[in-house]
N, C-alpha and C. Protein backbone atom coordinates (compact mmCIF):
# COMPACT_ATOMS: atom_id res chain seq x y z
N UNK A 1 6.21 -7.01 13.40
CA UNK A 1 5.08 -6.45 12.68
C UNK A 1 3.86 -7.34 12.94
N UNK A 2 2.76 -6.76 13.38
CA UNK A 2 1.54 -7.55 13.60
C UNK A 2 1.08 -8.21 12.30
N UNK A 3 0.37 -9.32 12.46
CA UNK A 3 -0.07 -10.08 11.28
C UNK A 3 -0.91 -9.22 10.35
N UNK A 4 -1.86 -8.45 10.89
CA UNK A 4 -2.72 -7.63 10.03
C UNK A 4 -1.90 -6.61 9.24
N UNK A 5 -0.87 -6.05 9.87
CA UNK A 5 0.00 -5.10 9.17
C UNK A 5 0.80 -5.80 8.08
N UNK A 6 1.28 -7.00 8.37
CA UNK A 6 2.03 -7.77 7.38
C UNK A 6 1.15 -8.09 6.18
N UNK A 7 -0.09 -8.45 6.41
CA UNK A 7 -1.02 -8.77 5.32
C UNK A 7 -1.28 -7.52 4.49
N UNK A 8 -1.52 -6.38 5.15
CA UNK A 8 -1.75 -5.14 4.42
C UNK A 8 -0.53 -4.77 3.59
N UNK A 9 0.66 -4.95 4.16
CA UNK A 9 1.90 -4.65 3.44
C UNK A 9 2.02 -5.54 2.20
N UNK A 10 1.66 -6.83 2.34
CA UNK A 10 1.74 -7.77 1.22
C UNK A 10 0.85 -7.30 0.07
N UNK A 11 -0.33 -6.81 0.38
CA UNK A 11 -1.26 -6.36 -0.65
C UNK A 11 -0.78 -5.08 -1.33
N UNK A 12 -0.06 -4.22 -0.58
CA UNK A 12 0.33 -2.92 -1.08
C UNK A 12 1.66 -2.91 -1.82
N UNK A 13 2.31 -4.03 -1.96
CA UNK A 13 3.62 -4.08 -2.60
C UNK A 13 3.50 -3.61 -4.05
N UNK A 14 4.32 -2.63 -4.39
CA UNK A 14 4.33 -2.09 -5.75
C UNK A 14 5.39 -2.82 -6.57
N UNK A 15 5.04 -3.14 -7.80
CA UNK A 15 5.97 -3.81 -8.70
C UNK A 15 6.36 -2.87 -9.83
N UNK A 16 7.60 -3.01 -10.28
CA UNK A 16 8.02 -2.26 -11.46
C UNK A 16 7.33 -2.88 -12.68
N UNK A 17 7.43 -2.22 -13.80
CA UNK A 17 6.82 -2.73 -15.03
C UNK A 17 7.41 -4.10 -15.40
N UNK A 18 8.73 -4.24 -15.30
CA UNK A 18 9.36 -5.52 -15.63
C UNK A 18 9.00 -6.60 -14.62
N UNK A 19 8.94 -6.25 -13.32
CA UNK A 19 8.53 -7.22 -12.30
C UNK A 19 7.11 -7.71 -12.58
N UNK A 20 6.24 -6.78 -12.93
CA UNK A 20 4.85 -7.12 -13.25
C UNK A 20 4.79 -8.07 -14.45
N UNK A 21 5.59 -7.80 -15.45
CA UNK A 21 5.64 -8.64 -16.65
C UNK A 21 6.03 -10.07 -16.28
N UNK A 22 7.07 -10.21 -15.47
CA UNK A 22 7.54 -11.53 -15.05
C UNK A 22 6.52 -12.19 -14.13
N UNK A 23 5.99 -11.43 -13.17
CA UNK A 23 5.01 -11.97 -12.22
C UNK A 23 3.79 -12.52 -12.96
N UNK A 24 3.35 -11.84 -13.98
CA UNK A 24 2.16 -12.28 -14.73
C UNK A 24 2.39 -13.58 -15.50
N UNK A 25 3.63 -13.97 -15.70
CA UNK A 25 3.94 -15.24 -16.36
C UNK A 25 3.89 -16.42 -15.40
N UNK A 26 3.88 -16.13 -14.11
CA UNK A 26 3.93 -17.19 -13.10
C UNK A 26 2.54 -17.58 -12.63
N UNK A 27 2.45 -18.81 -12.14
CA UNK A 27 1.20 -19.31 -11.57
C UNK A 27 1.55 -20.00 -10.26
N UNK A 28 0.63 -20.79 -9.75
CA UNK A 28 0.87 -21.52 -8.51
C UNK A 28 1.54 -22.87 -8.78
N UNK A 29 1.88 -23.10 -10.04
CA UNK A 29 2.66 -24.27 -10.44
C UNK A 29 4.06 -23.79 -10.80
N UNK A 30 5.10 -24.55 -10.45
CA UNK A 30 6.47 -24.10 -10.73
C UNK A 30 6.75 -23.91 -12.23
N UNK A 31 7.48 -22.83 -12.53
CA UNK A 31 7.89 -22.51 -13.90
C UNK A 31 9.41 -22.33 -13.89
N UNK A 32 10.10 -22.95 -14.84
CA UNK A 32 11.56 -22.87 -14.90
C UNK A 32 12.01 -21.49 -15.39
N UNK A 33 13.13 -21.03 -14.86
CA UNK A 33 13.66 -19.71 -15.21
C UNK A 33 13.89 -19.57 -16.72
N UNK A 34 14.29 -20.63 -17.40
CA UNK A 34 14.50 -20.56 -18.86
C UNK A 34 13.20 -20.23 -19.58
N UNK A 35 12.10 -20.82 -19.14
CA UNK A 35 10.80 -20.56 -19.76
C UNK A 35 10.34 -19.14 -19.44
N UNK A 36 10.59 -18.68 -18.22
CA UNK A 36 10.24 -17.30 -17.85
C UNK A 36 11.00 -16.33 -18.75
N UNK A 37 12.28 -16.59 -18.96
CA UNK A 37 13.10 -15.74 -19.82
C UNK A 37 12.56 -15.74 -21.25
N UNK A 38 12.28 -16.91 -21.77
CA UNK A 38 11.80 -17.03 -23.14
C UNK A 38 10.46 -16.32 -23.32
N UNK A 39 9.52 -16.57 -22.40
CA UNK A 39 8.19 -15.99 -22.53
C UNK A 39 8.18 -14.47 -22.31
N UNK A 40 9.09 -13.99 -21.49
CA UNK A 40 9.14 -12.55 -21.21
C UNK A 40 9.92 -11.77 -22.26
N UNK A 41 10.78 -12.49 -23.01
CA UNK A 41 11.63 -11.82 -23.97
C UNK A 41 12.82 -11.14 -23.32
N UNK A 42 13.06 -11.44 -22.03
CA UNK A 42 14.17 -10.86 -21.28
C UNK A 42 15.26 -11.91 -21.11
N UNK A 43 16.50 -11.46 -21.05
CA UNK A 43 17.61 -12.40 -20.86
C UNK A 43 17.58 -12.98 -19.45
N UNK A 44 18.24 -14.11 -19.28
CA UNK A 44 18.39 -14.72 -17.95
C UNK A 44 19.05 -13.72 -17.00
N UNK A 45 20.04 -12.98 -17.51
CA UNK A 45 20.74 -11.99 -16.68
C UNK A 45 19.81 -10.89 -16.20
N UNK A 46 18.76 -10.60 -16.93
CA UNK A 46 17.78 -9.58 -16.52
C UNK A 46 16.69 -10.21 -15.65
N UNK A 47 16.27 -11.42 -15.99
CA UNK A 47 15.20 -12.09 -15.26
C UNK A 47 15.62 -12.46 -13.83
N UNK A 48 16.86 -12.89 -13.66
CA UNK A 48 17.33 -13.33 -12.33
C UNK A 48 17.14 -12.29 -11.24
N UNK A 49 17.61 -11.04 -11.43
CA UNK A 49 17.39 -10.05 -10.37
C UNK A 49 15.91 -9.67 -10.19
N UNK A 50 15.13 -9.75 -11.26
CA UNK A 50 13.70 -9.47 -11.13
C UNK A 50 13.03 -10.52 -10.26
N UNK A 51 13.41 -11.78 -10.47
CA UNK A 51 12.86 -12.86 -9.65
C UNK A 51 13.29 -12.70 -8.19
N UNK A 52 14.54 -12.30 -7.98
CA UNK A 52 15.02 -12.08 -6.62
C UNK A 52 14.22 -10.96 -5.94
N UNK A 53 13.97 -9.89 -6.66
CA UNK A 53 13.17 -8.79 -6.10
C UNK A 53 11.76 -9.24 -5.77
N UNK A 54 11.17 -10.04 -6.64
CA UNK A 54 9.82 -10.56 -6.38
C UNK A 54 9.81 -11.47 -5.16
N UNK A 55 10.88 -12.24 -4.97
CA UNK A 55 11.00 -13.07 -3.76
C UNK A 55 11.09 -12.20 -2.52
N UNK A 56 11.93 -11.18 -2.57
CA UNK A 56 12.10 -10.27 -1.43
C UNK A 56 10.78 -9.58 -1.10
N UNK A 57 10.01 -9.25 -2.11
CA UNK A 57 8.72 -8.59 -1.90
C UNK A 57 7.64 -9.56 -1.45
N UNK A 58 7.97 -10.85 -1.40
CA UNK A 58 7.03 -11.85 -0.92
C UNK A 58 5.97 -12.26 -1.92
N UNK A 59 6.20 -11.98 -3.20
CA UNK A 59 5.21 -12.30 -4.22
C UNK A 59 5.40 -13.69 -4.82
N UNK A 60 6.64 -14.19 -4.82
CA UNK A 60 6.94 -15.50 -5.38
C UNK A 60 7.92 -16.23 -4.47
N UNK A 61 8.13 -17.51 -4.78
CA UNK A 61 9.20 -18.24 -4.10
C UNK A 61 9.85 -19.18 -5.10
N UNK A 62 11.09 -19.51 -4.78
CA UNK A 62 11.85 -20.43 -5.63
C UNK A 62 11.79 -21.82 -5.01
N UNK A 63 11.62 -22.81 -5.87
CA UNK A 63 11.68 -24.21 -5.45
C UNK A 63 12.85 -24.86 -6.20
N UNK A 64 13.10 -26.09 -5.93
CA UNK A 64 14.27 -26.80 -6.50
C UNK A 64 14.37 -26.64 -8.01
N UNK A 65 15.61 -26.58 -8.50
CA UNK A 65 15.85 -26.60 -9.93
C UNK A 65 15.55 -25.31 -10.66
N UNK A 66 15.74 -24.16 -10.01
CA UNK A 66 15.48 -22.86 -10.65
C UNK A 66 14.04 -22.73 -11.14
N UNK A 67 13.13 -23.25 -10.33
CA UNK A 67 11.70 -23.16 -10.62
C UNK A 67 11.09 -22.12 -9.67
N UNK A 68 10.14 -21.36 -10.19
CA UNK A 68 9.52 -20.29 -9.41
C UNK A 68 8.00 -20.39 -9.50
N UNK A 69 7.33 -19.98 -8.42
CA UNK A 69 5.88 -19.97 -8.40
C UNK A 69 5.37 -18.83 -7.55
N UNK A 70 4.12 -18.45 -7.78
CA UNK A 70 3.49 -17.38 -7.00
C UNK A 70 3.23 -17.84 -5.58
N UNK A 71 3.24 -16.88 -4.67
CA UNK A 71 2.85 -17.13 -3.28
C UNK A 71 1.40 -16.68 -3.17
N UNK A 72 0.51 -17.53 -2.66
CA UNK A 72 -0.89 -17.11 -2.52
C UNK A 72 -0.99 -15.87 -1.64
N UNK A 73 -1.81 -14.92 -2.05
CA UNK A 73 -2.01 -13.72 -1.26
C UNK A 73 -3.00 -14.02 -0.15
N UNK A 74 -2.74 -13.42 1.01
CA UNK A 74 -3.63 -13.61 2.16
C UNK A 74 -4.97 -12.95 1.87
N UNK A 75 -6.01 -13.59 2.31
CA UNK A 75 -7.37 -13.07 2.09
C UNK A 75 -7.79 -12.17 3.21
């Protein structure tokens, strides 16, 4: 996939309502999964697959210790 197409795809990624809720809790600083669960009001069992989907969609990434952060969007 050409770079320009990849960038356009990144911008067009659609999130479910729950993915959006979780994504909005994240920043460019790592946040632990327990805090994401607590702040979202969703169980760890529900948050885990949402975080995985957000990773697959290229919106976030996981760092050491079950910490997650946003991936900067290409300009």
